[in-house]
């Protein structure tokens, strides 16, 4: 291949290889591994760039005006009103941690919405107000609204995966299955589940995974052991007090929102139910607070600050590289043991 002594643009390399300009740009900027571009593709791009005499910075003056426009971004954070407590503060700390790493001025604008009513903010996705958006706390109806529409700005979803949208997510179905498996290995035959009354699309997946694995393992999950309440300590207390009226009780609880744990423990104490002696508990959520409860609670932990940091990272990567593609980041839950559940060690043959 003849070298181009005048230098080439990223677009020319992309057209030659049949790749997107965004993919080529990411590789040439040394971020191929970070954004999961295959080693084979990276090698082809780099080899071709050398053969075509590509030199970064050749187009610096030509693109100076464009670069100046990309130094400042306004990011809309669309946030469910149900999560306006301390959780939002953790997300903001994650956002700010990422912004420090970018050479850009980023303005964050909080845009609250109610469950099932994201569609009322349609004008905010027009591109006139925000350069990009991060959305957290989607209901199934909200997810359906996004699925049926396309928007001009890049959107990153938190803990939700939809085609044509970037996302930072947990495999919620597998998380539910994992909890049921842990209970099964500890010999439980009767289990319950405590959920927030405002069930997000992610919590529905966790419930489905938990219920399906319980069915496979022959574990009872009666309707009267499926209780809901506000996603806080008060809701946890009231929902479990309701469960305690049942003639027969489960021996383990899956708590879908770790913020409900303090109230759940209080309700069990008032009902003279020992934890973990008579009731074992595993909660899902951020485990930082759970270590200060009595007894401490075992948590399928996901760091909300880390998820927020990665969400901001994805939206800024898309904007700064002018990418026309979606990016995703999977977060794996970490089992942090507390006193409320300890996996029993299987007996080993000598």
C-alpha atoms as a PDB file:
ATOM      1  CA  UNK A   1       0.000   0.000   0.000  1.00  0.00           C
ATOM      2  CA  UNK A   2       1.520   3.378  -0.966  1.00  0.00           C
ATOM      3  CA  UNK A   3       2.104   5.836   1.813  1.00  0.00           C
ATOM      4  CA  UNK A   4       0.220   9.107   1.734  1.00  0.00           C
ATOM      5  CA  UNK A   5       2.833  11.770   2.351  1.00  0.00           C
ATOM      6  CA  UNK A   6       0.139  14.370   3.025  1.00  0.00           C
ATOM      7  CA  UNK A   7      -1.166  12.327   5.943  1.00  0.00           C
ATOM      8  CA  UNK A   8      -4.598  10.785   6.288  1.00  0.00           C
ATOM      9  CA  UNK A   9      -7.661  11.326   8.384  1.00  0.00           C
ATOM     10  CA  UNK A  10      -9.336   8.819  10.667  1.00  0.00           C
ATOM     11  CA  UNK A  11     -12.275   8.774   8.261  1.00  0.00           C
ATOM     12  CA  UNK A  12     -10.065   7.554   5.416  1.00  0.00           C
ATOM     13  CA  UNK A  13      -8.688   4.672   7.477  1.00  0.00           C
ATOM     14  CA  UNK A  14     -12.214   3.753   8.560  1.00  0.00           C
ATOM     15  CA  UNK A  15     -13.509   3.753   4.974  1.00  0.00           C
ATOM     16  CA  UNK A  16     -10.542   1.670   3.816  1.00  0.00           C
ATOM     17  CA  UNK A  17     -11.188  -0.975   6.490  1.00  0.00           C
ATOM     18  CA  UNK A  18     -14.974  -0.824   6.443  1.00  0.00           C
ATOM     19  CA  UNK A  19     -15.079   0.217  10.120  1.00  0.00           C
ATOM     20  CA  UNK A  20     -16.733   3.155  11.865  1.00  0.00           C
ATOM     21  CA  UNK A  21     -14.688   6.305  12.426  1.00  0.00           C
ATOM     22  CA  UNK A  22     -15.420   5.971  16.132  1.00  0.00           C
ATOM     23  CA  UNK A  23     -13.870   2.504  16.332  1.00  0.00           C
ATOM     24  CA  UNK A  24     -10.748   3.642  14.489  1.00  0.00           C
ATOM     25  CA  UNK A  25     -10.474   6.766  16.653  1.00  0.00           C
ATOM     26  CA  UNK A  26     -10.690   4.736  19.867  1.00  0.00           C
ATOM     27  CA  UNK A  27      -7.944   2.343  18.731  1.00  0.00           C
ATOM     28  CA  UNK A  28      -5.639   5.153  17.604  1.00  0.00           C
ATOM     29  CA  UNK A  29      -6.147   6.878  20.951  1.00  0.00           C
ATOM     30  CA  UNK A  30      -5.004   3.720  22.779  1.00  0.00           C
ATOM     31  CA  UNK A  31      -8.376   2.872  24.320  1.00  0.00           C
ATOM     32  CA  UNK A  32      -9.195  -0.306  22.404  1.00  0.00           C
ATOM     33  CA  UNK A  33      -8.815  -2.664  25.374  1.00  0.00           C
ATOM     34  CA  UNK A  34     -10.799  -0.363  27.637  1.00  0.00           C
ATOM     35  CA  UNK A  35     -13.773  -0.340  25.282  1.00  0.00           C
ATOM     36  CA  UNK A  36     -13.540  -4.039  24.400  1.00  0.00           C
ATOM     37  CA  UNK A  37     -12.434  -3.775  20.800  1.00  0.00           C
ATOM     38  CA  UNK A  38     -10.930  -7.105  19.737  1.00  0.00           C
ATOM     39  CA  UNK A  39      -7.152  -7.494  19.590  1.00  0.00           C
ATOM     40  CA  UNK A  40      -7.442  -8.532  15.949  1.00  0.00           C
ATOM     41  CA  UNK A  41      -9.312  -5.336  15.010  1.00  0.00           C
ATOM     42  CA  UNK A  42      -6.850  -3.188  16.955  1.00  0.00           C
ATOM     43  CA  UNK A  43      -3.903  -4.763  15.126  1.00  0.00           C
ATOM     44  CA  UNK A  44      -5.514  -4.235  11.716  1.00  0.00           C
ATOM     45  CA  UNK A  45      -6.246  -0.580  12.499  1.00  0.00           C
ATOM     46  CA  UNK A  46      -2.748   0.152  13.818  1.00  0.00           C
ATOM     47  CA  UNK A  47      -1.019  -1.669  10.959  1.00  0.00           C
ATOM     48  CA  UNK A  48      -3.118   0.172   8.381  1.00  0.00           C
ATOM     49  CA  UNK A  49      -2.518   3.509  10.054  1.00  0.00           C
ATOM     50  CA  UNK A  50       1.238   2.956   9.849  1.00  0.00           C
ATOM     51  CA  UNK A  51       1.044   1.888   6.215  1.00  0.00           C
ATOM     52  CA  UNK A  52      -1.008   4.951   5.317  1.00  0.00           C
ATOM     53  CA  UNK A  53       1.413   7.217   7.199  1.00  0.00           C
ATOM     54  CA  UNK A  54      -1.202   8.359   9.707  1.00  0.00           C
ATOM     55  CA  UNK A  55       0.131  10.964  12.144  1.00  0.00           C
ATOM     56  CA  UNK A  56      -2.013  12.106  15.037  1.00  0.00           C
ATOM     57  CA  UNK A  57      -2.229  15.851  15.156  1.00  0.00           C
ATOM     58  CA  UNK A  58      -2.064  16.432  11.390  1.00  0.00           C
ATOM     59  CA  UNK A  59      -5.645  17.608  11.496  1.00  0.00           C
ATOM     60  CA  UNK A  60      -5.362  19.565  14.734  1.00  0.00           C
ATOM     61  CA  UNK A  61      -5.694  22.991  13.154  1.00  0.00           C
ATOM     62  CA  UNK A  62      -8.391  21.863  10.778  1.00  0.00           C
ATOM     63  CA  UNK A  63     -10.490  20.507  13.638  1.00  0.00           C
ATOM     64  CA  UNK A  64      -9.677  23.238  16.137  1.00  0.00           C
ATOM     65  CA  UNK A  65     -13.084  24.838  15.866  1.00  0.00           C
ATOM     66  CA  UNK A  66     -14.835  21.487  16.371  1.00  0.00           C
ATOM     67  CA  UNK A  67     -12.637  20.646  19.354  1.00  0.00           C
ATOM     68  CA  UNK A  68     -13.472  23.967  20.969  1.00  0.00           C
ATOM     69  CA  UNK A  69     -17.150  23.136  20.772  1.00  0.00           C
ATOM     70  CA  UNK A  70     -16.557  19.819  22.546  1.00  0.00           C
ATOM     71  CA  UNK A  71     -14.777  21.193  25.619  1.00  0.00           C
ATOM     72  CA  UNK A  72     -18.033  21.747  27.502  1.00  0.00           C
ATOM     73  CA  UNK A  73     -20.919  19.351  27.945  1.00  0.00           C
ATOM     74  CA  UNK A  74     -24.262  19.569  29.692  1.00  0.00           C
ATOM     75  CA  UNK A  75     -25.375  16.147  30.925  1.00  0.00           C
ATOM     76  CA  UNK A  76     -28.953  15.605  32.045  1.00  0.00           C
ATOM     77  CA  UNK A  77     -29.307  13.092  34.874  1.00  0.00           C
ATOM     78  CA  UNK A  78     -32.860  11.769  34.705  1.00  0.00           C
ATOM     79  CA  UNK A  79     -33.556  10.455  38.157  1.00  0.00           C
ATOM     80  CA  UNK A  80     -36.547   8.629  39.578  1.00  0.00           C
ATOM     81  CA  UNK A  81     -38.111  10.582  42.445  1.00  0.00           C
ATOM     82  CA  UNK A  82     -38.275   7.348  44.440  1.00  0.00           C
ATOM     83  CA  UNK A  83     -34.472   7.389  44.792  1.00  0.00           C
ATOM     84  CA  UNK A  84     -33.967  10.958  45.958  1.00  0.00           C
ATOM     85  CA  UNK A  85     -32.358  10.002  49.279  1.00  0.00           C
ATOM     86  CA  UNK A  86     -28.761   9.140  50.109  1.00  0.00           C
ATOM     87  CA  UNK A  87     -28.504   6.956  47.029  1.00  0.00           C
ATOM     88  CA  UNK A  88     -28.442  10.022  44.788  1.00  0.00           C
ATOM     89  CA  UNK A  89     -25.520  11.439  46.756  1.00  0.00           C
ATOM     90  CA  UNK A  90     -23.509   8.277  46.106  1.00  0.00           C
ATOM     91  CA  UNK A  91     -24.247   8.506  42.397  1.00  0.00           C
ATOM     92  CA  UNK A  92     -23.138  12.135  42.276  1.00  0.00           C
ATOM     93  CA  UNK A  93     -19.854  11.288  43.959  1.00  0.00           C
ATOM     94  CA  UNK A  94     -19.291   8.702  41.227  1.00  0.00           C
ATOM     95  CA  UNK A  95     -20.120  11.215  38.496  1.00  0.00           C
ATOM     96  CA  UNK A  96     -17.665  13.745  39.869  1.00  0.00           C
ATOM     97  CA  UNK A  97     -14.892  11.164  40.227  1.00  0.00           C
ATOM     98  CA  UNK A  98     -15.058  10.459  36.494  1.00  0.00           C
ATOM     99  CA  UNK A  99     -15.353  14.096  35.452  1.00  0.00           C
ATOM    100  CA  UNK A 100     -12.030  14.828  37.163  1.00  0.00           C
ATOM    101  CA  UNK A 101     -10.341  12.487  34.677  1.00  0.00           C
ATOM    102  CA  UNK A 102     -11.611  14.321  31.600  1.00  0.00           C
ATOM    103  CA  UNK A 103     -10.234  17.534  30.120  1.00  0.00           C
ATOM    104  CA  UNK A 104     -13.677  18.982  29.720  1.00  0.00           C
ATOM    105  CA  UNK A 105     -16.093  21.195  31.623  1.00  0.00           C
ATOM    106  CA  UNK A 106     -19.158  19.145  32.520  1.00  0.00           C
ATOM    107  CA  UNK A 107     -22.377  20.569  33.867  1.00  0.00           C
ATOM    108  CA  UNK A 108     -24.727  18.087  35.547  1.00  0.00           C
ATOM    109  CA  UNK A 109     -28.419  18.967  35.606  1.00  0.00           C
ATOM    110  CA  UNK A 110     -30.786  16.877  37.728  1.00  0.00           C
ATOM    111  CA  UNK A 111     -34.040  16.085  35.923  1.00  0.00           C
ATOM    112  CA  UNK A 112     -36.448  14.241  38.272  1.00  0.00           C
ATOM    113  CA  UNK A 113     -39.254  12.048  36.981  1.00  0.00           C
ATOM    114  CA  UNK A 114     -41.914   9.754  38.427  1.00  0.00           C
ATOM    115  CA  UNK A 115     -42.318   6.049  37.753  1.00  0.00           C
ATOM    116  CA  UNK A 116     -44.113   5.423  34.437  1.00  0.00           C
ATOM    117  CA  UNK A 117     -43.891   9.094  33.439  1.00  0.00           C
ATOM    118  CA  UNK A 118     -40.535   9.477  31.707  1.00  0.00           C
ATOM    119  CA  UNK A 119     -42.477  10.238  28.513  1.00  0.00           C
ATOM    120  CA  UNK A 120     -43.517  13.601  29.984  1.00  0.00           C
ATOM    121  CA  UNK A 121     -39.906  14.764  29.569  1.00  0.00           C
ATOM    122  CA  UNK A 122     -39.697  14.023  25.856  1.00  0.00           C
ATOM    123  CA  UNK A 123     -38.648  17.602  24.986  1.00  0.00           C
ATOM    124  CA  UNK A 124     -35.562  17.197  27.174  1.00  0.00           C
ATOM    125  CA  UNK A 125     -34.215  14.527  24.789  1.00  0.00           C
ATOM    126  CA  UNK A 126     -34.344  16.813  21.747  1.00  0.00           C
ATOM    127  CA  UNK A 127     -30.677  17.834  21.941  1.00  0.00           C
ATOM    128  CA  UNK A 128     -31.482  21.482  22.559  1.00  0.00           C
ATOM    129  CA  UNK A 129     -31.057  21.294  26.324  1.00  0.00           C
ATOM    130  CA  UNK A 130     -28.552  18.500  26.949  1.00  0.00           C
ATOM    131  CA  UNK A 131     -25.589  17.041  25.074  1.00  0.00           C
ATOM    132  CA  UNK A 132     -26.173  13.635  26.639  1.00  0.00           C
ATOM    133  CA  UNK A 133     -28.260  11.920  29.282  1.00  0.00           C
ATOM    134  CA  UNK A 134     -27.951   9.342  32.067  1.00  0.00           C
ATOM    135  CA  UNK A 135     -31.183   7.695  33.211  1.00  0.00           C
ATOM    136  CA  UNK A 136     -31.709   5.706  36.406  1.00  0.00           C
ATOM    137  CA  UNK A 137     -34.723   4.053  38.039  1.00  0.00           C
ATOM    138  CA  UNK A 138     -36.742   3.015  34.997  1.00  0.00           C
ATOM    139  CA  UNK A 139     -40.056   1.211  35.360  1.00  0.00           C
ATOM    140  CA  UNK A 140     -41.173  -1.319  32.769  1.00  0.00           C
ATOM    141  CA  UNK A 141     -43.448   1.333  31.224  1.00  0.00           C
ATOM    142  CA  UNK A 142     -40.543   3.801  31.056  1.00  0.00           C
ATOM    143  CA  UNK A 143     -38.396   1.142  29.389  1.00  0.00           C
ATOM    144  CA  UNK A 144     -41.142   0.545  26.852  1.00  0.00           C
ATOM    145  CA  UNK A 145     -41.230   4.254  26.045  1.00  0.00           C
ATOM    146  CA  UNK A 146     -37.487   4.300  25.344  1.00  0.00           C
ATOM    147  CA  UNK A 147     -37.715   1.095  23.322  1.00  0.00           C
ATOM    148  CA  UNK A 148     -40.316   2.613  21.015  1.00  0.00           C
ATOM    149  CA  UNK A 149     -38.465   5.876  20.388  1.00  0.00           C
ATOM    150  CA  UNK A 150     -35.106   7.159  19.179  1.00  0.00           C
ATOM    151  CA  UNK A 151     -33.459  10.364  20.342  1.00  0.00           C
ATOM    152  CA  UNK A 152     -30.823  12.758  19.067  1.00  0.00           C
ATOM    153  CA  UNK A 153     -28.547  12.667  22.101  1.00  0.00           C
ATOM    154  CA  UNK A 154     -26.506   9.731  23.489  1.00  0.00           C
ATOM    155  CA  UNK A 155     -28.268   8.103  26.433  1.00  0.00           C
ATOM    156  CA  UNK A 156     -26.711   5.807  29.032  1.00  0.00           C
ATOM    157  CA  UNK A 157     -29.050   3.686  31.154  1.00  0.00           C
ATOM    158  CA  UNK A 158     -28.213   2.668  34.711  1.00  0.00           C
ATOM    159  CA  UNK A 159     -29.053  -0.946  35.573  1.00  0.00           C
ATOM    160  CA  UNK A 160     -31.156  -1.502  32.491  1.00  0.00           C
ATOM    161  CA  UNK A 161     -30.307  -2.914  29.082  1.00  0.00           C
ATOM    162  CA  UNK A 162     -32.210  -1.946  25.942  1.00  0.00           C
ATOM    163  CA  UNK A 163     -31.279  -2.336  22.315  1.00  0.00           C
ATOM    164  CA  UNK A 164     -29.804   0.852  20.807  1.00  0.00           C
ATOM    165  CA  UNK A 165     -28.953   2.330  24.229  1.00  0.00           C
ATOM    166  CA  UNK A 166     -25.661   2.340  26.094  1.00  0.00           C
ATOM    167  CA  UNK A 167     -25.844   0.951  29.605  1.00  0.00           C
ATOM    168  CA  UNK A 168     -24.120   0.220  32.878  1.00  0.00           C
ATOM    169  CA  UNK A 169     -25.850  -2.781  34.337  1.00  0.00           C
ATOM    170  CA  UNK A 170     -25.996  -5.786  36.615  1.00  0.00           C
ATOM    171  CA  UNK A 171     -27.278  -9.186  35.468  1.00  0.00           C
ATOM    172  CA  UNK A 172     -30.305  -8.907  37.737  1.00  0.00           C
ATOM    173  CA  UNK A 173     -31.903 -12.194  36.691  1.00  0.00           C
ATOM    174  CA  UNK A 174     -28.701 -14.067  37.577  1.00  0.00           C
ATOM    175  CA  UNK A 175     -28.481 -12.163  40.881  1.00  0.00           C
ATOM    176  CA  UNK A 176     -31.932 -13.423  41.849  1.00  0.00           C
ATOM    177  CA  UNK A 177     -30.944 -16.958  40.887  1.00  0.00           C
ATOM    178  CA  UNK A 178     -27.744 -16.686  42.915  1.00  0.00           C
ATOM    179  CA  UNK A 179     -29.671 -15.764  46.063  1.00  0.00           C
ATOM    180  CA  UNK A 180     -32.024 -18.731  45.678  1.00  0.00           C
ATOM    181  CA  UNK A 181     -29.057 -21.060  45.118  1.00  0.00           C
ATOM    182  CA  UNK A 182     -27.417 -19.822  48.325  1.00  0.00           C
ATOM    183  CA  UNK A 183     -30.590 -20.503  50.305  1.00  0.00           C
ATOM    184  CA  UNK A 184     -30.898 -23.958  48.732  1.00  0.00           C
ATOM    185  CA  UNK A 185     -27.331 -24.867  49.664  1.00  0.00           C
ATOM    186  CA  UNK A 186     -28.080 -23.891  53.253  1.00  0.00           C
ATOM    187  CA  UNK A 187     -31.023 -26.299  53.312  1.00  0.00           C
ATOM    188  CA  UNK A 188     -33.924 -23.830  53.218  1.00  0.00           C
ATOM    189  CA  UNK A 189     -37.271 -25.168  52.003  1.00  0.00           C
ATOM    190  CA  UNK A 190     -39.399 -22.075  52.689  1.00  0.00           C
ATOM    191  CA  UNK A 191     -38.296 -18.579  51.624  1.00  0.00           C
ATOM    192  CA  UNK A 192     -39.801 -15.126  51.320  1.00  0.00           C
ATOM    193  CA  UNK A 193     -38.987 -11.965  49.384  1.00  0.00           C
ATOM    194  CA  UNK A 194     -39.285  -8.321  50.413  1.00  0.00           C
ATOM    195  CA  UNK A 195     -39.540  -5.774  47.610  1.00  0.00           C
ATOM    196  CA  UNK A 196     -40.000  -2.047  47.247  1.00  0.00           C
ATOM    197  CA  UNK A 197     -43.590  -1.212  46.302  1.00  0.00           C
ATOM    198  CA  UNK A 198     -42.299   0.875  43.382  1.00  0.00           C
ATOM    199  CA  UNK A 199     -40.741  -2.030  41.517  1.00  0.00           C
ATOM    200  CA  UNK A 200     -38.230  -1.074  38.876  1.00  0.00           C
ATOM    201  CA  UNK A 201     -37.628  -3.099  35.737  1.00  0.00           C
ATOM    202  CA  UNK A 202     -34.379  -4.340  37.336  1.00  0.00           C
ATOM    203  CA  UNK A 203     -36.150  -5.546  40.484  1.00  0.00           C
ATOM    204  CA  UNK A 204     -38.667  -7.451  38.356  1.00  0.00           C
ATOM    205  CA  UNK A 205     -35.780  -9.331  36.737  1.00  0.00           C
ATOM    206  CA  UNK A 206     -34.278 -10.146  40.158  1.00  0.00           C
ATOM    207  CA  UNK A 207     -37.654 -11.398  41.359  1.00  0.00           C
ATOM    208  CA  UNK A 208     -38.129 -13.556  38.264  1.00  0.00           C
ATOM    209  CA  UNK A 209     -34.668 -15.082  38.602  1.00  0.00           C
ATOM    210  CA  UNK A 210     -35.224 -15.771  42.302  1.00  0.00           C
ATOM    211  CA  UNK A 211     -38.697 -17.285  41.810  1.00  0.00           C
ATOM    212  CA  UNK A 212     -37.605 -19.459  38.880  1.00  0.00           C
ATOM    213  CA  UNK A 213     -34.608 -20.870  40.739  1.00  0.00           C
ATOM    214  CA  UNK A 214     -36.753 -21.527  43.816  1.00  0.00           C
ATOM    215  CA  UNK A 215     -39.135 -23.504  41.608  1.00  0.00           C
ATOM    216  CA  UNK A 216     -36.273 -25.538  40.131  1.00  0.00           C
ATOM    217  CA  UNK A 217     -34.859 -26.287  43.583  1.00  0.00           C
ATOM    218  CA  UNK A 218     -38.214 -27.252  45.078  1.00  0.00           C
ATOM    219  CA  UNK A 219     -38.238 -24.293  47.501  1.00  0.00           C
ATOM    220  CA  UNK A 220     -41.610 -22.928  48.612  1.00  0.00           C
ATOM    221  CA  UNK A 221     -42.247 -19.231  47.862  1.00  0.00           C
ATOM    222  CA  UNK A 222     -45.845 -18.688  48.952  1.00  0.00           C
ATOM    223  CA  UNK A 223     -47.748 -15.552  47.979  1.00  0.00           C
ATOM    224  CA  UNK A 224     -48.135 -14.521  51.643  1.00  0.00           C
ATOM    225  CA  UNK A 225     -44.333 -14.510  51.938  1.00  0.00           C
ATOM    226  CA  UNK A 226     -43.996 -11.987  49.082  1.00  0.00           C
ATOM    227  CA  UNK A 227     -44.371  -8.604  50.740  1.00  0.00           C
ATOM    228  CA  UNK A 228     -43.774  -5.026  49.607  1.00  0.00           C
ATOM    229  CA  UNK A 229     -43.271  -1.659  51.252  1.00  0.00           C
ATOM    230  CA  UNK A 230     -41.586   1.680  50.829  1.00  0.00           C
ATOM    231  CA  UNK A 231     -37.943   1.269  49.851  1.00  0.00           C
ATOM    232  CA  UNK A 232     -36.640   2.343  53.275  1.00  0.00           C
ATOM    233  CA  UNK A 233     -36.478   1.161  56.890  1.00  0.00           C
ATOM    234  CA  UNK A 234     -40.111   2.026  57.607  1.00  0.00           C
ATOM    235  CA  UNK A 235     -41.274   0.073  54.591  1.00  0.00           C
ATOM    236  CA  UNK A 236     -39.130  -2.876  55.619  1.00  0.00           C
ATOM    237  CA  UNK A 237     -40.581  -2.866  59.132  1.00  0.00           C
ATOM    238  CA  UNK A 238     -44.219  -2.652  58.071  1.00  0.00           C
ATOM    239  CA  UNK A 239     -43.951  -5.254  55.314  1.00  0.00           C
ATOM    240  CA  UNK A 240     -42.305  -7.875  57.543  1.00  0.00           C
ATOM    241  CA  UNK A 241     -44.730  -7.194  60.412  1.00  0.00           C
ATOM    242  CA  UNK A 242     -47.428  -8.094  57.904  1.00  0.00           C
ATOM    243  CA  UNK A 243     -45.615 -11.318  57.019  1.00  0.00           C
ATOM    244  CA  UNK A 244     -45.300 -12.274  60.679  1.00  0.00           C
ATOM    245  CA  UNK A 245     -49.094 -12.616  60.865  1.00  0.00           C
ATOM    246  CA  UNK A 246     -48.861 -15.767  58.749  1.00  0.00           C
ATOM    247  CA  UNK A 247     -49.416 -19.106  60.483  1.00  0.00           C
ATOM    248  CA  UNK A 248     -46.294 -20.543  58.883  1.00  0.00           C
ATOM    249  CA  UNK A 249     -43.177 -18.475  58.243  1.00  0.00           C
ATOM    250  CA  UNK A 250     -40.290 -18.786  55.806  1.00  0.00           C
ATOM    251  CA  UNK A 251     -36.840 -19.496  57.174  1.00  0.00           C
ATOM    252  CA  UNK A 252     -34.985 -17.113  54.836  1.00  0.00           C
ATOM    253  CA  UNK A 253     -35.650 -13.724  53.246  1.00  0.00           C
ATOM    254  CA  UNK A 254     -34.350 -12.137  50.069  1.00  0.00           C
ATOM    255  CA  UNK A 255     -34.453  -8.363  50.536  1.00  0.00           C
ATOM    256  CA  UNK A 256     -34.523  -6.622  47.157  1.00  0.00           C
ATOM    257  CA  UNK A 257     -33.480  -3.228  48.510  1.00  0.00           C
ATOM    258  CA  UNK A 258     -30.764  -3.179  51.165  1.00  0.00           C
ATOM    259  CA  UNK A 259     -32.091   0.156  52.484  1.00  0.00           C
ATOM    260  CA  UNK A 260     -35.064  -1.767  53.908  1.00  0.00           C
ATOM    261  CA  UNK A 261     -32.828  -4.012  56.056  1.00  0.00           C
ATOM    262  CA  UNK A 262     -32.813  -1.924  59.244  1.00  0.00           C
ATOM    263  CA  UNK A 263     -36.610  -2.002  59.496  1.00  0.00           C
ATOM    264  CA  UNK A 264     -36.760  -5.699  58.649  1.00  0.00           C
ATOM    265  CA  UNK A 265     -34.340  -6.548  61.462  1.00  0.00           C
ATOM    266  CA  UNK A 266     -36.346  -4.412  63.895  1.00  0.00           C
ATOM    267  CA  UNK A 267     -39.598  -6.149  62.928  1.00  0.00           C
ATOM    268  CA  UNK A 268     -38.050  -9.577  63.418  1.00  0.00           C
ATOM    269  CA  UNK A 269     -36.699  -8.565  66.847  1.00  0.00           C
ATOM    270  CA  UNK A 270     -40.148  -7.336  67.874  1.00  0.00           C
ATOM    271  CA  UNK A 271     -41.583 -10.644  66.664  1.00  0.00           C
ATOM    272  CA  UNK A 272     -39.000 -12.626  68.679  1.00  0.00           C
ATOM    273  CA  UNK A 273     -37.519 -14.106  65.508  1.00  0.00           C
ATOM    274  CA  UNK A 274     -33.795 -14.692  65.829  1.00  0.00           C
ATOM    275  CA  UNK A 275     -31.461 -13.747  62.982  1.00  0.00           C
ATOM    276  CA  UNK A 276     -29.809 -15.900  61.727  1.00  0.00           C
ATOM    277  CA  UNK A 277     -31.062 -18.696  64.015  1.00  0.00           C
ATOM    278  CA  UNK A 278     -34.687 -18.691  62.845  1.00  0.00           C
ATOM    279  CA  UNK A 279     -34.443 -16.442  59.799  1.00  0.00           C
ATOM    280  CA  UNK A 280     -31.490 -15.945  57.452  1.00  0.00           C
ATOM    281  CA  UNK A 281     -31.318 -12.815  55.320  1.00  0.00           C
ATOM    282  CA  UNK A 282     -29.570 -11.817  52.098  1.00  0.00           C
ATOM    283  CA  UNK A 283     -30.088  -8.298  50.760  1.00  0.00           C
ATOM    284  CA  UNK A 284     -29.303  -6.750  47.377  1.00  0.00           C
ATOM    285  CA  UNK A 285     -27.738  -3.296  47.046  1.00  0.00           C
ATOM    286  CA  UNK A 286     -24.871  -1.216  48.318  1.00  0.00           C
ATOM    287  CA  UNK A 287     -23.323  -3.078  51.237  1.00  0.00           C
ATOM    288  CA  UNK A 288     -21.518  -0.163  52.901  1.00  0.00           C
ATOM    289  CA  UNK A 289     -24.384   0.614  55.285  1.00  0.00           C
ATOM    290  CA  UNK A 290     -25.272  -3.000  56.078  1.00  0.00           C
ATOM    291  CA  UNK A 291     -22.081  -3.581  58.077  1.00  0.00           C
ATOM    292  CA  UNK A 292     -23.352  -1.159  60.739  1.00  0.00           C
ATOM    293  CA  UNK A 293     -26.637  -2.991  61.366  1.00  0.00           C
ATOM    294  CA  UNK A 294     -27.209  -5.481  64.158  1.00  0.00           C
ATOM    295  CA  UNK A 295     -26.781  -8.180  63.228  1.00  0.00           C
ATOM    296  CA  UNK A 296     -24.743  -7.267  60.175  1.00  0.00           C
ATOM    297  CA  UNK A 297     -26.451  -8.228  56.911  1.00  0.00           C
ATOM    298  CA  UNK A 298     -25.087 -10.380  54.094  1.00  0.00           C
ATOM    299  CA  UNK A 299     -25.340  -8.416  50.849  1.00  0.00           C
ATOM    300  CA  UNK A 300     -25.147  -9.077  47.139  1.00  0.00           C
ATOM    301  CA  UNK A 301     -23.229  -5.863  46.768  1.00  0.00           C
ATOM    302  CA  UNK A 302     -23.088  -3.490  43.825  1.00  0.00           C
ATOM    303  CA  UNK A 303     -21.352  -0.137  44.221  1.00  0.00           C
ATOM    304  CA  UNK A 304     -23.697   2.637  43.114  1.00  0.00           C
ATOM    305  CA  UNK A 305     -20.816   5.118  43.021  1.00  0.00           C
ATOM    306  CA  UNK A 306     -18.863   2.827  40.680  1.00  0.00           C
ATOM    307  CA  UNK A 307     -21.886   2.363  38.421  1.00  0.00           C
ATOM    308  CA  UNK A 308     -22.355   6.122  38.242  1.00  0.00           C
ATOM    309  CA  UNK A 309     -18.676   6.681  37.459  1.00  0.00           C
ATOM    310  CA  UNK A 310     -18.859   4.220  34.577  1.00  0.00           C
ATOM    311  CA  UNK A 311     -22.097   5.720  33.271  1.00  0.00           C
ATOM    312  CA  UNK A 312     -20.485   9.161  33.102  1.00  0.00           C
ATOM    313  CA  UNK A 313     -17.400   7.599  31.523  1.00  0.00           C
ATOM    314  CA  UNK A 314     -19.493   6.051  28.732  1.00  0.00           C
ATOM    315  CA  UNK A 315     -21.456   9.189  27.898  1.00  0.00           C
ATOM    316  CA  UNK A 316     -18.318  11.378  27.829  1.00  0.00           C
ATOM    317  CA  UNK A 317     -16.456   8.808  25.718  1.00  0.00           C
ATOM    318  CA  UNK A 318     -19.281   8.856  23.180  1.00  0.00           C
ATOM    319  CA  UNK A 319     -19.429  12.656  23.118  1.00  0.00           C
ATOM    320  CA  UNK A 320     -15.696  13.360  22.968  1.00  0.00           C
ATOM    321  CA  UNK A 321     -15.104  10.788  20.230  1.00  0.00           C
ATOM    322  CA  UNK A 322     -18.320  11.613  18.350  1.00  0.00           C
ATOM    323  CA  UNK A 323     -19.223   7.926  18.370  1.00  0.00           C
ATOM    324  CA  UNK A 324     -22.306   6.592  16.639  1.00  0.00           C
ATOM    325  CA  UNK A 325     -22.403   3.351  18.575  1.00  0.00           C
ATOM    326  CA  UNK A 326     -23.573   2.025  21.922  1.00  0.00           C
ATOM    327  CA  UNK A 327     -21.244   1.028  24.762  1.00  0.00           C
ATOM    328  CA  UNK A 328     -21.973  -1.179  27.753  1.00  0.00           C
ATOM    329  CA  UNK A 329     -20.356  -2.054  31.053  1.00  0.00           C
ATOM    330  CA  UNK A 330     -21.378  -5.110  33.085  1.00  0.00           C
ATOM    331  CA  UNK A 331     -21.012  -4.933  36.872  1.00  0.00           C
ATOM    332  CA  UNK A 332     -20.714  -8.198  38.780  1.00  0.00           C
ATOM    333  CA  UNK A 333     -22.287  -8.366  42.234  1.00  0.00           C
ATOM    334  CA  UNK A 334     -19.965  -9.261  45.085  1.00  0.00           C
ATOM    335  CA  UNK A 335     -21.210 -11.399  47.950  1.00  0.00           C
ATOM    336  CA  UNK A 336     -20.242  -9.672  51.206  1.00  0.00           C
ATOM    337  CA  UNK A 337     -20.936 -11.884  54.186  1.00  0.00           C
ATOM    338  CA  UNK A 338     -22.476 -10.516  57.345  1.00  0.00           C
ATOM    339  CA  UNK A 339     -23.977 -12.268  60.352  1.00  0.00           C
ATOM    340  CA  UNK A 340     -27.452 -12.652  58.823  1.00  0.00           C
ATOM    341  CA  UNK A 341     -26.318 -15.423  56.455  1.00  0.00           C
ATOM    342  CA  UNK A 342     -23.239 -17.622  56.387  1.00  0.00           C
ATOM    343  CA  UNK A 343     -23.001 -20.324  53.761  1.00  0.00           C
ATOM    344  CA  UNK A 344     -22.708 -23.724  55.389  1.00  0.00           C
ATOM    345  CA  UNK A 345     -19.619 -25.698  54.464  1.00  0.00           C
ATOM    346  CA  UNK A 346     -20.451 -29.052  52.898  1.00  0.00           C
ATOM    347  CA  UNK A 347     -19.051 -32.011  54.760  1.00  0.00           C
ATOM    348  CA  UNK A 348     -15.865 -33.383  53.253  1.00  0.00           C
ATOM    349  CA  UNK A 349     -15.066 -37.041  53.185  1.00  0.00           C
ATOM    350  CA  UNK A 350     -11.782 -37.788  54.976  1.00  0.00           C
END
